[in-house]
């Protein structure tokens, strides 16, 4: 079970359950991967529904690595995500929202 208070989100990939979270290191990796000055623009893109597949993959990869997964981008791109691409996008958006949620927002 994912711990919302710690910003964790579960992703089922290739039939295996993975707990993702955005650690500081994962956030730095995400900024570098997306060549972003800040993550605010990424948050705004997700809130407006203007995110790209690259955004989703980068978020999932950063979250998986933050959760201890040792795979790489190639493995993630070829993986089967339970629920399909939309489930992956929802998990990425939830991961981003939880990383920046205030404690009282993490309850919902």
N, C-alpha and C. Protein backbone atom coordinates (compact mmCIF):
# COMPACT_ATOMS: atom_id res chain seq x y z
N UNK A 1 0.84 -1.18 0.00
CA UNK A 1 0.00 0.00 0.00
C UNK A 1 0.88 1.24 0.00
N UNK A 2 0.51 2.20 -0.81
CA UNK A 2 1.25 3.45 -0.89
C UNK A 2 0.91 4.34 0.31
N UNK A 3 1.90 5.04 0.81
CA UNK A 3 1.72 5.95 1.92
C UNK A 3 1.55 7.37 1.36
N UNK A 4 0.32 7.87 1.34
CA UNK A 4 0.04 9.20 0.79
C UNK A 4 0.83 10.28 1.51
N UNK A 5 1.05 10.11 2.80
CA UNK A 5 1.76 11.12 3.59
C UNK A 5 3.20 11.27 3.12
N UNK A 6 3.74 10.23 2.53
CA UNK A 6 5.11 10.27 2.02
C UNK A 6 5.15 10.58 0.53
N UNK A 7 3.99 10.83 -0.08
CA UNK A 7 3.93 11.16 -1.49
C UNK A 7 4.02 9.95 -2.40
N UNK A 8 3.75 8.77 -1.87
CA UNK A 8 3.89 7.55 -2.65
C UNK A 8 2.66 7.26 -3.52
N UNK A 9 2.92 6.68 -4.68
CA UNK A 9 1.89 6.27 -5.63
C UNK A 9 2.29 4.90 -6.16
N UNK A 10 1.30 4.02 -6.33
CA UNK A 10 1.58 2.67 -6.83
C UNK A 10 1.39 2.63 -8.35
N UNK A 11 2.30 1.96 -9.02
CA UNK A 11 2.19 1.70 -10.45
C UNK A 11 2.41 0.21 -10.66
N UNK A 12 1.48 -0.43 -11.36
CA UNK A 12 1.65 -1.85 -11.69
C UNK A 12 2.21 -1.91 -13.10
N UNK A 13 3.40 -2.44 -13.19
CA UNK A 13 4.14 -2.49 -14.45
C UNK A 13 4.61 -3.91 -14.69
N UNK A 14 4.28 -4.44 -15.86
CA UNK A 14 4.63 -5.83 -16.20
C UNK A 14 4.16 -6.79 -15.12
N UNK A 15 2.98 -6.51 -14.56
CA UNK A 15 2.36 -7.37 -13.56
C UNK A 15 2.95 -7.25 -12.17
N UNK A 16 3.91 -6.36 -11.99
CA UNK A 16 4.57 -6.19 -10.70
C UNK A 16 4.24 -4.82 -10.12
N UNK A 17 3.93 -4.80 -8.84
CA UNK A 17 3.56 -3.57 -8.14
C UNK A 17 4.82 -2.81 -7.72
N UNK A 18 4.86 -1.52 -8.07
CA UNK A 18 6.00 -0.66 -7.72
C UNK A 18 5.48 0.56 -6.97
N UNK A 19 6.14 0.91 -5.88
CA UNK A 19 5.80 2.13 -5.15
C UNK A 19 6.73 3.22 -5.65
N UNK A 20 6.13 4.30 -6.13
CA UNK A 20 6.90 5.43 -6.64
C UNK A 20 6.84 6.60 -5.66
N UNK A 21 7.88 7.40 -5.68
CA UNK A 21 7.85 8.66 -4.93
C UNK A 21 8.92 9.57 -5.51
N UNK A 22 8.68 10.86 -5.40
CA UNK A 22 9.63 11.84 -5.92
C UNK A 22 10.51 12.35 -4.79
N UNK A 23 11.69 11.78 -4.69
CA UNK A 23 12.69 12.25 -3.73
C UNK A 23 13.36 13.49 -4.31
N UNK A 24 14.17 14.18 -3.52
CA UNK A 24 14.90 15.34 -4.04
C UNK A 24 15.78 14.94 -5.22
N UNK A 25 16.43 13.80 -5.11
CA UNK A 25 17.26 13.32 -6.21
C UNK A 25 16.45 13.03 -7.45
N UNK A 26 15.27 12.43 -7.26
CA UNK A 26 14.39 12.13 -8.38
C UNK A 26 13.88 13.41 -9.02
N UNK A 27 13.58 14.42 -8.20
CA UNK A 27 13.13 15.71 -8.74
C UNK A 27 14.23 16.38 -9.55
N UNK A 28 15.46 16.32 -9.06
CA UNK A 28 16.59 16.89 -9.80
C UNK A 28 16.77 16.17 -11.13
N UNK A 29 16.65 14.84 -11.11
CA UNK A 29 16.75 14.05 -12.34
C UNK A 29 15.63 14.43 -13.31
N UNK A 30 14.45 14.66 -12.78
CA UNK A 30 13.30 15.04 -13.60
C UNK A 30 13.54 16.39 -14.27
N UNK A 31 14.04 17.36 -13.51
CA UNK A 31 14.34 18.68 -14.09
C UNK A 31 15.36 18.55 -15.22
N UNK A 32 16.37 17.73 -15.00
CA UNK A 32 17.40 17.55 -16.02
C UNK A 32 16.83 16.85 -17.25
N UNK A 33 16.05 15.81 -17.04
CA UNK A 33 15.49 15.05 -18.16
C UNK A 33 14.57 15.90 -19.02
N UNK A 34 13.83 16.80 -18.39
CA UNK A 34 12.89 17.64 -19.13
C UNK A 34 13.49 18.99 -19.49
N UNK A 35 14.77 19.18 -19.15
CA UNK A 35 15.46 20.43 -19.42
C UNK A 35 14.62 21.62 -18.96
N UNK A 36 14.12 21.52 -17.74
CA UNK A 36 13.24 22.54 -17.17
C UNK A 36 14.00 23.36 -16.14
N UNK A 37 13.73 24.66 -16.13
CA UNK A 37 14.32 25.52 -15.12
C UNK A 37 13.68 25.26 -13.76
N UNK A 38 12.36 25.03 -13.78
CA UNK A 38 11.62 24.72 -12.55
C UNK A 38 10.58 23.66 -12.85
N UNK A 39 10.07 23.08 -11.81
CA UNK A 39 9.00 22.09 -11.97
C UNK A 39 7.62 22.75 -11.99
N UNK A 40 7.57 24.04 -11.71
CA UNK A 40 6.29 24.75 -11.71
C UNK A 40 5.62 24.65 -13.08
N UNK A 41 6.40 24.81 -14.14
CA UNK A 41 5.84 24.73 -15.50
C UNK A 41 5.27 23.33 -15.76
N UNK A 42 5.95 22.31 -15.26
CA UNK A 42 5.45 20.94 -15.43
C UNK A 42 4.15 20.75 -14.67
N UNK A 43 4.09 21.24 -13.45
CA UNK A 43 2.86 21.16 -12.66
C UNK A 43 1.73 21.86 -13.40
N UNK A 44 2.02 23.05 -13.94
CA UNK A 44 1.00 23.81 -14.66
C UNK A 44 0.53 23.06 -15.91
N UNK A 45 1.46 22.41 -16.62
CA UNK A 45 1.07 21.63 -17.81
C UNK A 45 0.12 20.50 -17.43
N UNK A 46 0.42 19.80 -16.34
CA UNK A 46 -0.45 18.71 -15.91
C UNK A 46 -1.81 19.24 -15.47
N UNK A 47 -1.82 20.35 -14.73
CA UNK A 47 -3.09 20.92 -14.28
C UNK A 47 -3.96 21.34 -15.45
N UNK A 48 -3.34 21.81 -16.54
CA UNK A 48 -4.08 22.26 -17.71
C UNK A 48 -4.33 21.13 -18.72
N UNK A 49 -3.80 19.93 -18.44
CA UNK A 49 -3.97 18.81 -19.36
C UNK A 49 -3.13 18.95 -20.62
N UNK A 50 -2.04 19.71 -20.57
CA UNK A 50 -1.19 19.94 -21.73
C UNK A 50 0.15 19.21 -21.62
N UNK A 51 0.17 18.10 -20.94
CA UNK A 51 1.41 17.36 -20.75
C UNK A 51 1.66 16.46 -21.96
N UNK A 52 2.92 16.11 -22.15
CA UNK A 52 3.31 15.24 -23.26
C UNK A 52 3.60 13.83 -22.76
N UNK A 53 3.71 12.92 -23.69
CA UNK A 53 4.11 11.55 -23.35
C UNK A 53 5.49 11.57 -22.70
N UNK A 54 6.36 12.44 -23.20
CA UNK A 54 7.71 12.57 -22.62
C UNK A 54 7.62 13.00 -21.16
N UNK A 55 6.70 13.93 -20.84
CA UNK A 55 6.50 14.35 -19.45
C UNK A 55 6.09 13.17 -18.59
N UNK A 56 5.13 12.39 -19.08
CA UNK A 56 4.63 11.23 -18.32
C UNK A 56 5.75 10.22 -18.08
N UNK A 57 6.47 9.87 -19.13
CA UNK A 57 7.56 8.90 -18.97
C UNK A 57 8.63 9.40 -18.02
N UNK A 58 8.99 10.68 -18.13
CA UNK A 58 10.02 11.23 -17.25
C UNK A 58 9.56 11.22 -15.79
N UNK A 59 8.30 11.57 -15.57
CA UNK A 59 7.75 11.54 -14.20
C UNK A 59 7.72 10.13 -13.64
N UNK A 60 7.23 9.18 -14.44
CA UNK A 60 7.17 7.80 -13.97
C UNK A 60 8.57 7.27 -13.68
N UNK A 61 9.52 7.55 -14.57
CA UNK A 61 10.89 7.07 -14.35
C UNK A 61 11.48 7.67 -13.08
N UNK A 62 11.30 8.97 -12.88
CA UNK A 62 11.82 9.61 -11.67
C UNK A 62 11.16 9.03 -10.42
N UNK A 63 9.85 8.82 -10.49
CA UNK A 63 9.13 8.26 -9.35
C UNK A 63 9.54 6.83 -9.05
N UNK A 64 9.70 6.04 -10.10
CA UNK A 64 10.15 4.65 -9.91
C UNK A 64 11.54 4.61 -9.29
N UNK A 65 12.42 5.44 -9.78
CA UNK A 65 13.78 5.48 -9.22
C UNK A 65 13.76 5.98 -7.79
N UNK A 66 12.92 6.97 -7.51
CA UNK A 66 12.77 7.46 -6.13
C UNK A 66 12.25 6.38 -5.20
N UNK A 67 11.52 5.43 -5.76
CA UNK A 67 11.01 4.31 -4.98
C UNK A 67 11.95 3.12 -4.93
N UNK A 68 13.11 3.25 -5.58
CA UNK A 68 14.12 2.19 -5.49
C UNK A 68 14.24 1.30 -6.71
N UNK A 69 13.46 1.54 -7.75
CA UNK A 69 13.52 0.73 -8.98
C UNK A 69 14.84 0.99 -9.68
N UNK A 70 15.47 -0.03 -10.25
CA UNK A 70 16.78 0.14 -10.88
C UNK A 70 16.73 0.02 -12.40
N UNK A 71 15.53 -0.03 -12.96
CA UNK A 71 15.41 -0.12 -14.41
C UNK A 71 15.79 1.18 -15.09
N UNK A 72 15.68 1.18 -16.42
CA UNK A 72 16.03 2.38 -17.18
C UNK A 72 14.87 2.81 -18.06
N UNK A 73 15.06 3.90 -18.76
CA UNK A 73 14.01 4.48 -19.60
C UNK A 73 13.56 3.51 -20.69
N UNK A 74 14.48 2.76 -21.26
CA UNK A 74 14.12 1.77 -22.29
C UNK A 74 13.17 0.72 -21.75
N UNK A 75 13.45 0.23 -20.55
CA UNK A 75 12.59 -0.77 -19.92
C UNK A 75 11.20 -0.20 -19.66
N UNK A 76 11.16 1.02 -19.13
CA UNK A 76 9.87 1.66 -18.85
C UNK A 76 9.07 1.86 -20.13
N UNK A 77 9.73 2.33 -21.20
CA UNK A 77 9.04 2.58 -22.46
C UNK A 77 8.45 1.30 -23.05
N UNK A 78 9.08 0.16 -22.79
CA UNK A 78 8.61 -1.11 -23.33
C UNK A 78 7.67 -1.85 -22.38
N UNK A 79 7.53 -1.37 -21.17
CA UNK A 79 6.74 -2.06 -20.14
C UNK A 79 5.25 -1.95 -20.41
N UNK A 80 4.52 -2.94 -19.91
CA UNK A 80 3.05 -2.90 -19.96
C UNK A 80 2.55 -2.36 -18.63
N UNK A 81 1.88 -1.22 -18.70
CA UNK A 81 1.35 -0.59 -17.49
C UNK A 81 -0.10 -1.01 -17.35
N UNK A 82 -0.43 -1.56 -16.19
CA UNK A 82 -1.82 -1.99 -15.93
C UNK A 82 -2.74 -0.79 -16.09
N UNK A 83 -3.76 -0.94 -16.91
CA UNK A 83 -4.70 0.15 -17.16
C UNK A 83 -4.33 0.98 -18.37
N UNK A 84 -3.18 0.70 -18.97
CA UNK A 84 -2.79 1.37 -20.20
C UNK A 84 -2.19 2.76 -20.00
N UNK A 85 -2.02 3.46 -21.11
CA UNK A 85 -1.38 4.78 -21.09
C UNK A 85 -2.09 5.79 -20.19
N UNK A 86 -3.42 5.76 -20.18
CA UNK A 86 -4.14 6.73 -19.35
C UNK A 86 -3.89 6.47 -17.86
N UNK A 87 -3.78 5.21 -17.47
CA UNK A 87 -3.46 4.89 -16.07
C UNK A 87 -2.06 5.39 -15.73
N UNK A 88 -1.13 5.27 -16.67
CA UNK A 88 0.21 5.79 -16.45
C UNK A 88 0.20 7.30 -16.30
N UNK A 89 -0.58 7.98 -17.13
CA UNK A 89 -0.68 9.44 -17.04
C UNK A 89 -1.31 9.87 -15.72
N UNK A 90 -2.35 9.13 -15.28
CA UNK A 90 -2.99 9.45 -13.99
C UNK A 90 -2.01 9.26 -12.84
N UNK A 91 -1.24 8.16 -12.89
CA UNK A 91 -0.26 7.89 -11.83
C UNK A 91 0.81 8.99 -11.81
N UNK A 92 1.25 9.43 -12.98
CA UNK A 92 2.25 10.50 -13.05
C UNK A 92 1.70 11.80 -12.46
N UNK A 93 0.47 12.14 -12.82
CA UNK A 93 -0.15 13.36 -12.30
C UNK A 93 -0.33 13.28 -10.79
N UNK A 94 -0.75 12.12 -10.31
CA UNK A 94 -0.94 11.93 -8.86
C UNK A 94 0.40 12.02 -8.13
N UNK A 95 1.42 11.46 -8.72
CA UNK A 95 2.76 11.51 -8.14
C UNK A 95 3.23 12.96 -8.00
N UNK A 96 3.04 13.73 -9.04
CA UNK A 96 3.43 15.13 -9.02
C UNK A 96 2.62 15.91 -7.99
N UNK A 97 1.32 15.67 -7.95
CA UNK A 97 0.45 16.37 -6.99
C UNK A 97 0.84 16.02 -5.56
N UNK A 98 1.10 14.76 -5.29
CA UNK A 98 1.45 14.35 -3.92
C UNK A 98 2.81 14.88 -3.49
N UNK A 99 3.72 15.03 -4.44
CA UNK A 99 5.05 15.55 -4.09
C UNK A 99 4.98 16.97 -3.58
N UNK A 100 3.97 17.72 -4.03
CA UNK A 100 3.87 19.12 -3.65
C UNK A 100 2.64 19.41 -2.79
N UNK A 101 1.97 18.38 -2.30
CA UNK A 101 0.77 18.57 -1.47
C UNK A 101 1.16 18.97 -0.05
N UNK A 102 0.36 19.82 0.52
CA UNK A 102 0.50 20.12 1.95
C UNK A 102 -0.08 18.94 2.72
N UNK A 103 0.35 18.71 3.97
CA UNK A 103 -0.11 17.53 4.72
C UNK A 103 -1.63 17.35 4.72
N UNK A 104 -2.40 18.42 4.87
CA UNK A 104 -3.86 18.25 4.92
C UNK A 104 -4.42 17.89 3.55
N UNK A 105 -3.70 18.20 2.44
CA UNK A 105 -4.15 17.84 1.12
C UNK A 105 -3.88 16.38 0.80
N UNK A 106 -2.92 15.76 1.47
CA UNK A 106 -2.54 14.39 1.20
C UNK A 106 -3.60 13.40 1.68
N UNK A 107 -4.54 13.86 2.49
CA UNK A 107 -5.56 12.96 3.02
C UNK A 107 -6.52 12.48 1.95
N UNK A 108 -6.86 13.31 0.98
CA UNK A 108 -7.89 13.03 -0.01
C UNK A 108 -7.51 12.12 -1.04
